[in-house]
């Protein structure tokens, strides 16, 4: 059964390996979890899925494969005697057994429950017979009966239910959802490249052990510089106008980038990058940074990330004086070309849906200048952009 489950995941295009599957089998053999479908779901996802972006696909594949097995726990389906009599009764305490016998035994309890589930046609609250909330019926939630079945209740009430029949639900993660700070950090970490820099101030444990052994047991401390992320990033953020609806996701991206990269320089622009950008929006009219200075100061090894919807009048890109804020001497296309040619690795993340790009003339112009390095600002798009920056 589990081999078929493994092949089913492979057929669903999930990157599961034989080594990970063997780890799952070892965990089951060691009885890391109980004999529960919920526990097996959690364990199998931990062992087999290493990327959060694949959680959604795994949930769908898991649900499709175990739909028949989960039906065992559905009172609307035929209930196998082996599961209900041997497996469940084996875990009942003497007190639980006595409570069940008070209603006529386990078989009588389940038979009555299925019968009332089929007969009941509407919601019921209170009372002593129907499935509902409150009251003293043996079937329902938030009520009291010394023996029975809890249905649909979150948490425990009188804690006297024999079996909890709650429908399981999985939260989906989709590669096309907008990002938050946490999964942005996870995505940006793929861009990190560590090296040891600075003064030796961190203990080299392996070197200390080896040196002490070579020194006949006398302690020989070895120190190494701290490991630091050497990746250097220039972040250009479009602000104002059509970018106002995307302020939150841009703030989350900025927050994640600041926490992940030690070498990060950020600049703002409006619609298109011209001969100057700025660091502080409140001072943008008198505290500007010349784009030419950025090209001189930062070497080609810096990675460039541009965040913007590229939605503007085409004249703002292709015409001198096309800026809506001032009369620019050179068209925006000239400055974008200089940036794209100077830096080796550039990625542009667009918060607008990818299907809308072909209907925006200015976006098509930027794509022509940039090449295939514009990506949607989604989980999948950020991952693709990171790959473009790495290679």
Protein backbone atom coordinates (compact mmCIF):
# COMPACT_ATOMS: atom_id res chain seq x y z
CA UNK A 1 0.00 0.00 0.00
CA UNK A 2 2.75 2.48 0.90
CA UNK A 3 4.75 1.66 -2.23
CA UNK A 4 1.66 2.55 -4.28
CA UNK A 5 1.34 5.73 -2.21
CA UNK A 6 4.95 6.64 -3.06
CA UNK A 7 4.35 6.02 -6.77
CA UNK A 8 1.15 8.05 -6.57
CA UNK A 9 3.12 11.04 -5.23
CA UNK A 10 5.67 10.65 -8.02
CA UNK A 11 2.83 10.60 -10.56
CA UNK A 12 1.57 13.86 -9.02
CA UNK A 13 4.96 15.41 -9.97
CA UNK A 14 6.12 15.74 -6.37
CA UNK A 15 9.93 15.61 -5.86
CA UNK A 16 9.95 12.66 -3.43
CA UNK A 17 13.03 10.44 -3.31
CA UNK A 18 13.58 6.82 -2.33
CA UNK A 19 15.75 7.92 0.60
CA UNK A 20 12.93 10.07 1.97
CA UNK A 21 10.47 7.19 1.53
CA UNK A 22 12.78 4.88 3.47
CA UNK A 23 12.95 7.49 6.23
CA UNK A 24 9.14 7.42 6.39
CA UNK A 25 9.15 3.62 6.66
CA UNK A 26 11.76 3.73 9.42
CA UNK A 27 9.67 6.25 11.35
CA UNK A 28 6.59 4.03 11.01
CA UNK A 29 8.55 0.99 12.11
CA UNK A 30 9.76 2.88 15.16
CA UNK A 31 6.13 3.86 15.92
CA UNK A 32 6.90 7.57 15.97
CA UNK A 33 3.19 8.29 15.55
CA UNK A 34 0.00 6.50 16.46
CA UNK A 35 -2.17 4.53 14.05
CA UNK A 36 -4.07 7.61 12.92
CA UNK A 37 -4.62 8.99 9.42
CA UNK A 38 -4.00 12.51 10.74
CA UNK A 39 -0.71 11.49 12.31
CA UNK A 40 0.36 9.61 9.19
CA UNK A 41 -0.42 12.69 7.07
CA UNK A 42 1.76 14.89 9.29
CA UNK A 43 4.61 12.37 9.42
CA UNK A 44 4.59 11.66 5.67
CA UNK A 45 4.61 15.37 4.83
CA UNK A 46 7.55 15.97 7.18
CA UNK A 47 9.53 13.07 5.72
CA UNK A 48 8.70 13.48 2.04
CA UNK A 49 8.14 17.19 1.36
CA UNK A 50 11.04 19.59 1.84
CA UNK A 51 9.62 22.69 0.12
CA UNK A 52 6.58 24.63 1.40
CA UNK A 53 5.62 25.42 -2.17
CA UNK A 54 4.72 21.73 -2.64
CA UNK A 55 2.40 21.49 0.38
CA UNK A 56 -0.70 22.20 -1.68
CA UNK A 57 0.09 19.55 -4.29
CA UNK A 58 0.92 17.03 -1.55
CA UNK A 59 -2.40 17.69 0.23
CA UNK A 60 -4.34 17.13 -2.99
CA UNK A 61 -2.41 13.94 -3.79
CA UNK A 62 -2.77 12.65 -0.22
CA UNK A 63 -6.51 13.32 -0.21
CA UNK A 64 -6.99 11.65 -3.58
CA UNK A 65 -5.05 8.53 -2.59
CA UNK A 66 -6.57 8.06 0.87
CA UNK A 67 -10.11 9.02 -0.05
CA UNK A 68 -11.11 5.38 0.21
CA UNK A 69 -9.31 4.94 3.50
CA UNK A 70 -10.81 8.08 4.99
CA UNK A 71 -14.24 6.74 4.10
CA UNK A 72 -13.70 4.18 6.83
CA UNK A 73 -14.06 7.05 9.28
CA UNK A 74 -17.20 8.39 7.60
CA UNK A 75 -20.39 7.27 9.31
CA UNK A 76 -22.25 7.65 6.03
CA UNK A 77 -20.19 4.78 4.59
CA UNK A 78 -20.34 1.12 5.43
CA UNK A 79 -18.46 0.65 8.69
CA UNK A 80 -16.22 -2.45 8.70
CA UNK A 81 -16.65 -4.57 11.79
CA UNK A 82 -12.91 -5.21 12.08
CA UNK A 83 -12.17 -1.50 12.49
CA UNK A 84 -14.96 -0.76 14.96
CA UNK A 85 -14.92 -3.82 17.15
CA UNK A 86 -11.29 -4.92 17.36
CA UNK A 87 -9.25 -1.76 16.81
CA UNK A 88 -11.30 0.74 18.80
CA UNK A 89 -12.41 -1.54 21.60
CA UNK A 90 -8.79 -2.51 22.17
CA UNK A 91 -8.08 1.05 23.39
CA UNK A 92 -11.15 1.47 25.61
CA UNK A 93 -10.77 1.69 29.36
CA UNK A 94 -13.04 -0.38 31.65
CA UNK A 95 -15.01 2.79 32.41
CA UNK A 96 -15.56 3.43 28.68
CA UNK A 97 -16.71 -0.13 28.15
CA UNK A 98 -19.21 0.21 30.97
CA UNK A 99 -20.60 3.44 29.46
CA UNK A 100 -21.04 1.82 26.06
CA UNK A 101 -22.81 -1.15 27.54
CA UNK A 102 -25.25 1.28 29.19
CA UNK A 103 -26.62 2.07 25.72
CA UNK A 104 -26.71 -1.55 24.64
CA UNK A 105 -23.12 -2.09 23.46
CA UNK A 106 -20.91 -0.68 20.70
CA UNK A 107 -22.94 -2.19 17.87
CA UNK A 108 -26.15 -0.70 19.24
CA UNK A 109 -24.49 2.72 19.66
CA UNK A 110 -23.26 2.84 16.06
CA UNK A 111 -26.48 1.43 14.64
CA UNK A 112 -28.58 4.04 16.44
CA UNK A 113 -26.25 6.84 15.34
CA UNK A 114 -26.44 5.89 11.65
CA UNK A 115 -30.20 5.53 11.86
CA UNK A 116 -30.70 8.98 13.37
CA UNK A 117 -28.22 10.52 10.93
CA UNK A 118 -30.33 9.19 8.05
CA UNK A 119 -33.65 10.29 9.59
CA UNK A 120 -32.69 13.80 10.71
CA UNK A 121 -33.43 16.49 8.11
CA UNK A 122 -32.65 19.76 9.93
CA UNK A 123 -30.49 21.38 12.57
CA UNK A 124 -31.45 20.49 16.14
CA UNK A 125 -30.42 22.14 19.42
CA UNK A 126 -31.18 20.73 22.82
CA UNK A 127 -33.24 17.68 23.52
CA UNK A 128 -32.33 14.08 24.17
CA UNK A 129 -32.65 12.29 20.83
CA UNK A 130 -31.50 14.04 17.64
CA UNK A 131 -27.95 14.91 16.57
CA UNK A 132 -27.37 18.52 17.52
CA UNK A 133 -25.89 20.93 20.03
CA UNK A 134 -26.59 21.06 23.74
CA UNK A 135 -29.08 18.79 25.44
CA UNK A 136 -28.54 15.24 26.60
CA UNK A 137 -28.56 13.35 23.30
CA UNK A 138 -25.73 10.80 22.96
CA UNK A 139 -24.94 12.26 19.53
CA UNK A 140 -23.80 15.87 18.99
CA UNK A 141 -21.72 18.64 20.48
CA UNK A 142 -21.59 20.96 23.49
CA UNK A 143 -24.06 18.89 25.48
CA UNK A 144 -23.85 16.14 28.04
CA UNK A 145 -24.46 12.42 27.95
CA UNK A 146 -22.39 9.89 29.88
CA UNK A 147 -21.77 7.93 26.70
CA UNK A 148 -22.02 8.79 23.02
CA UNK A 149 -20.38 10.25 19.92
CA UNK A 150 -19.22 13.85 19.56
CA UNK A 151 -20.00 15.38 16.14
CA UNK A 152 -18.50 18.63 14.87
CA UNK A 153 -17.39 20.06 18.21
CA UNK A 154 -14.15 22.05 18.42
CA UNK A 155 -12.34 21.09 21.58
CA UNK A 156 -13.80 19.02 24.36
CA UNK A 157 -16.88 19.63 26.49
CA UNK A 158 -17.86 17.09 29.13
CA UNK A 159 -15.14 14.77 27.76
CA UNK A 160 -17.44 11.74 27.71
CA UNK A 161 -17.50 10.97 23.97
CA UNK A 162 -16.43 7.50 22.93
CA UNK A 163 -15.24 8.57 19.45
CA UNK A 164 -14.69 11.98 17.88
CA UNK A 165 -16.13 12.13 14.38
CA UNK A 166 -14.70 15.41 13.11
CA UNK A 167 -14.03 16.03 9.46
CA UNK A 168 -10.37 16.66 8.74
CA UNK A 169 -9.38 19.66 6.60
CA UNK A 170 -6.09 20.69 5.05
CA UNK A 171 -4.98 24.28 4.48
CA UNK A 172 -3.77 24.69 0.93
CA UNK A 173 -0.61 26.51 -0.10
CA UNK A 174 -0.78 27.67 -3.70
CA UNK A 175 2.14 28.77 -5.85
CA UNK A 176 0.02 31.64 -7.18
CA UNK A 177 -0.97 33.25 -3.87
CA UNK A 178 0.46 36.58 -2.82
CA UNK A 179 3.40 36.45 -0.48
CA UNK A 180 3.83 37.30 3.19
CA UNK A 181 6.97 38.14 5.11
CA UNK A 182 7.58 34.58 6.28
CA UNK A 183 7.48 32.78 2.94
CA UNK A 184 9.34 35.69 1.33
CA UNK A 185 12.18 35.05 3.76
CA UNK A 186 12.10 31.35 2.91
CA UNK A 187 12.31 32.17 -0.81
CA UNK A 188 15.07 34.79 -0.45
CA UNK A 189 17.23 32.42 1.59
CA UNK A 190 17.90 30.46 -1.59
CA UNK A 191 19.93 33.44 -2.78
CA UNK A 192 22.31 33.37 0.17
CA UNK A 193 25.99 32.57 -0.27
CA UNK A 194 28.03 32.31 2.90
CA UNK A 195 31.74 32.99 3.43
CA UNK A 196 33.89 33.63 6.48
CA UNK A 197 34.86 37.28 6.77
CA UNK A 198 36.37 39.55 9.38
CA UNK A 199 38.47 38.86 12.47
CA UNK A 200 38.60 35.33 13.91
CA UNK A 201 36.03 35.46 16.69
CA UNK A 202 34.02 32.27 16.30
CA UNK A 203 35.10 28.92 17.75
CA UNK A 204 36.17 26.36 15.16
CA UNK A 205 34.97 23.24 16.93
CA UNK A 206 36.37 20.71 14.43
CA UNK A 207 39.71 22.52 14.26
CA UNK A 208 39.89 22.71 18.06
CA UNK A 209 39.21 18.98 18.44
CA UNK A 210 41.78 18.10 15.79
CA UNK A 211 44.38 20.48 17.24
CA UNK A 212 43.83 19.18 20.77
CA UNK A 213 44.21 15.59 19.59
CA UNK A 214 47.46 16.46 17.78
CA UNK A 215 48.64 18.24 20.94
CA UNK A 216 48.46 15.09 23.08
CA UNK A 217 45.28 16.25 24.85
CA UNK A 218 46.37 19.80 25.68
CA UNK A 219 43.61 22.22 24.71
CA UNK A 220 44.40 23.96 21.41
CA UNK A 221 41.73 26.54 20.61
CA UNK A 222 41.12 27.44 16.97
CA UNK A 223 39.07 30.49 15.95
CA UNK A 224 37.59 31.37 12.56
CA UNK A 225 35.85 34.47 11.16
CA UNK A 226 32.06 34.60 11.36
CA UNK A 227 30.08 33.16 8.45
CA UNK A 228 28.30 35.97 6.65
CA UNK A 229 26.08 36.21 3.62
CA UNK A 230 28.18 37.68 0.80
CA UNK A 231 25.30 38.33 -1.57
CA UNK A 232 24.90 42.04 -2.36
CA UNK A 233 21.52 43.29 -3.51
CA UNK A 234 20.25 46.55 -5.02
CA UNK A 235 16.49 46.86 -4.55
CA UNK A 236 14.52 49.36 -6.68
CA UNK A 237 10.90 49.89 -5.57
CA UNK A 238 8.20 51.59 -7.64
CA UNK A 239 5.95 53.78 -5.44
CA UNK A 240 2.78 55.79 -5.93
CA UNK A 241 0.00 55.75 -8.48
CA UNK A 242 -0.88 52.28 -9.71
CA UNK A 243 1.43 50.73 -7.10
CA UNK A 244 -0.71 51.95 -4.18
CA UNK A 245 -2.83 48.73 -4.08
CA UNK A 246 0.40 46.72 -3.72
CA UNK A 247 1.90 48.63 -0.79
CA UNK A 248 1.45 45.76 1.68
CA UNK A 249 3.22 43.09 -0.36
CA UNK A 250 6.03 45.54 -1.19
CA UNK A 251 6.45 46.33 2.51
CA UNK A 252 6.64 42.60 3.26
CA UNK A 253 9.23 42.10 0.53
CA UNK A 254 11.29 45.03 1.83
CA UNK A 255 11.10 43.71 5.41
CA UNK A 256 12.12 40.20 4.34
CA UNK A 257 15.01 41.48 2.23
CA UNK A 258 16.35 43.65 5.07
CA UNK A 259 16.41 40.68 7.43
CA UNK A 260 18.01 38.29 4.93
CA UNK A 261 20.73 40.39 3.28
CA UNK A 262 23.50 42.15 5.14
CA UNK A 263 24.52 44.02 2.00
CA UNK A 264 21.28 45.63 0.83
CA UNK A 265 20.81 49.06 -0.75
CA UNK A 266 17.27 50.19 -1.53
CA UNK A 267 16.01 53.01 -3.76
CA UNK A 268 12.62 54.30 -4.83
CA UNK A 269 11.33 55.48 -8.21
CA UNK A 270 7.97 56.37 -9.73
CA UNK A 271 6.79 54.46 -12.81
CA UNK A 272 10.22 54.32 -14.50
CA UNK A 273 13.85 54.78 -13.49
CA UNK A 274 15.29 57.99 -14.94
CA UNK A 275 18.48 59.95 -14.16
CA UNK A 276 17.82 59.88 -10.42
CA UNK A 277 16.17 57.82 -7.69
CA UNK A 278 15.77 58.46 -3.95
CA UNK A 279 16.11 56.67 -0.61
CA UNK A 280 13.40 58.49 1.38
CA UNK A 281 10.00 59.28 -0.11
CA UNK A 282 9.50 62.25 2.20
CA UNK A 283 12.71 63.84 0.87
CA UNK A 284 12.48 62.78 -2.77
CA UNK A 285 12.27 66.34 -4.15
CA UNK A 286 15.58 67.53 -2.72
CA UNK A 287 17.56 64.47 -1.59
CA UNK A 288 18.10 62.45 -4.73
CA UNK A 289 20.66 59.87 -5.82
CA UNK A 290 21.94 60.09 -9.38
CA UNK A 291 21.44 56.85 -11.29
CA UNK A 292 24.82 57.36 -12.94
CA UNK A 293 26.45 57.43 -9.49
CA UNK A 294 24.84 54.08 -8.68
CA UNK A 295 26.32 52.58 -11.85
CA UNK A 296 29.77 53.89 -10.84
CA UNK A 297 29.58 52.94 -7.15
CA UNK A 298 28.16 49.42 -7.33
CA UNK A 299 29.96 46.78 -9.34
CA UNK A 300 28.47 44.24 -11.74
CA UNK A 301 28.54 41.59 -9.00
CA UNK A 302 25.64 43.29 -7.22
CA UNK A 303 22.31 41.61 -7.91
CA UNK A 304 19.46 43.92 -8.91
CA UNK A 305 15.81 43.41 -7.98
CA UNK A 306 13.20 45.78 -9.43
CA UNK A 307 9.67 45.70 -8.02
CA UNK A 308 7.02 47.48 -10.06
CA UNK A 309 3.94 46.94 -12.19
CA UNK A 310 5.52 48.57 -15.29
CA UNK A 311 2.12 50.16 -15.95
CA UNK A 312 2.41 53.70 -17.32
CA UNK A 313 2.08 55.68 -20.50
CA UNK A 314 4.47 54.30 -23.16
CA UNK A 315 5.78 57.84 -23.64
CA UNK A 316 7.21 57.74 -20.10
CA UNK A 317 9.61 55.03 -21.28
CA UNK A 318 10.46 55.88 -24.87
CA UNK A 319 10.38 59.71 -25.01
CA UNK A 320 12.70 62.34 -23.53
CA UNK A 321 10.61 64.56 -21.26
CA UNK A 322 8.08 61.75 -20.91
CA UNK A 323 8.17 61.73 -17.10
CA UNK A 324 4.97 63.01 -15.52
CA UNK A 325 6.96 64.70 -12.71
CA UNK A 326 9.71 66.63 -14.50
CA UNK A 327 11.34 67.08 -17.89
CA UNK A 328 13.86 64.27 -18.20
CA UNK A 329 16.69 64.75 -20.69
CA UNK A 330 16.86 61.06 -21.70
CA UNK A 331 14.06 58.53 -22.07
CA UNK A 332 13.54 55.96 -19.32
CA UNK A 333 14.41 53.17 -21.79
CA UNK A 334 17.99 54.50 -21.97
CA UNK A 335 18.45 54.29 -18.18
CA UNK A 336 16.81 50.88 -17.93
CA UNK A 337 19.13 49.59 -20.67
CA UNK A 338 22.19 50.92 -18.82
CA UNK A 339 21.13 49.18 -15.61
CA UNK A 340 20.31 45.90 -17.34
CA UNK A 341 23.64 45.91 -19.19
CA UNK A 342 25.82 46.98 -16.24
CA UNK A 343 24.63 44.39 -13.72
CA UNK A 344 25.03 40.72 -14.52
CA UNK A 345 21.99 39.49 -12.60
CA UNK A 346 18.68 41.38 -12.76
CA UNK A 347 15.15 40.26 -11.88
CA UNK A 348 11.93 42.26 -12.09
CA UNK A 349 9.00 41.23 -9.90
CA UNK A 350 5.61 42.45 -11.06
CA UNK A 351 2.71 42.45 -8.56
CA UNK A 352 0.16 42.45 -11.38
CA UNK A 353 -1.11 39.04 -12.64
CA UNK A 354 0.99 37.69 -15.49
CA UNK A 355 -2.06 37.26 -17.71
CA UNK A 356 -2.51 41.07 -17.71
CA UNK A 357 0.99 41.91 -18.98
CA UNK A 358 0.21 41.39 -22.64
CA UNK A 359 -2.57 44.00 -22.47
CA UNK A 360 -0.28 46.76 -21.13
CA UNK A 361 1.88 48.36 -23.79
CA UNK A 362 4.41 49.75 -21.32
CA UNK A 363 4.89 46.31 -19.76
CA UNK A 364 5.64 44.88 -23.19
CA UNK A 365 8.26 47.59 -23.76
CA UNK A 366 9.97 46.79 -20.44
CA UNK A 367 9.89 43.08 -21.27
CA UNK A 368 11.56 43.83 -24.61
CA UNK A 369 14.34 45.75 -22.83
CA UNK A 370 14.70 43.31 -19.94
CA UNK A 371 14.34 39.99 -21.65
CA UNK A 372 12.73 36.97 -19.95
CA UNK A 373 13.57 38.21 -16.47
CA UNK A 374 10.21 39.59 -15.34
CA UNK A 375 8.31 37.36 -12.89
CA UNK A 376 4.97 37.63 -11.06
CA UNK A 377 5.17 38.50 -7.38
CA UNK A 378 3.91 35.10 -6.23
CA UNK A 379 5.56 32.12 -4.52
CA UNK A 380 6.38 30.53 -7.86
CA UNK A 381 7.43 33.83 -9.42
CA UNK A 382 9.79 34.72 -6.57
CA UNK A 383 11.36 31.26 -6.75
CA UNK A 384 11.89 31.65 -10.51
CA UNK A 385 13.37 35.12 -9.98
CA UNK A 386 15.77 33.80 -7.36
CA UNK A 387 16.93 31.13 -9.81
CA UNK A 388 17.55 33.84 -12.43
CA UNK A 389 19.63 35.82 -9.94
CA UNK A 390 21.68 32.78 -8.96
CA UNK A 391 22.65 31.58 -12.45
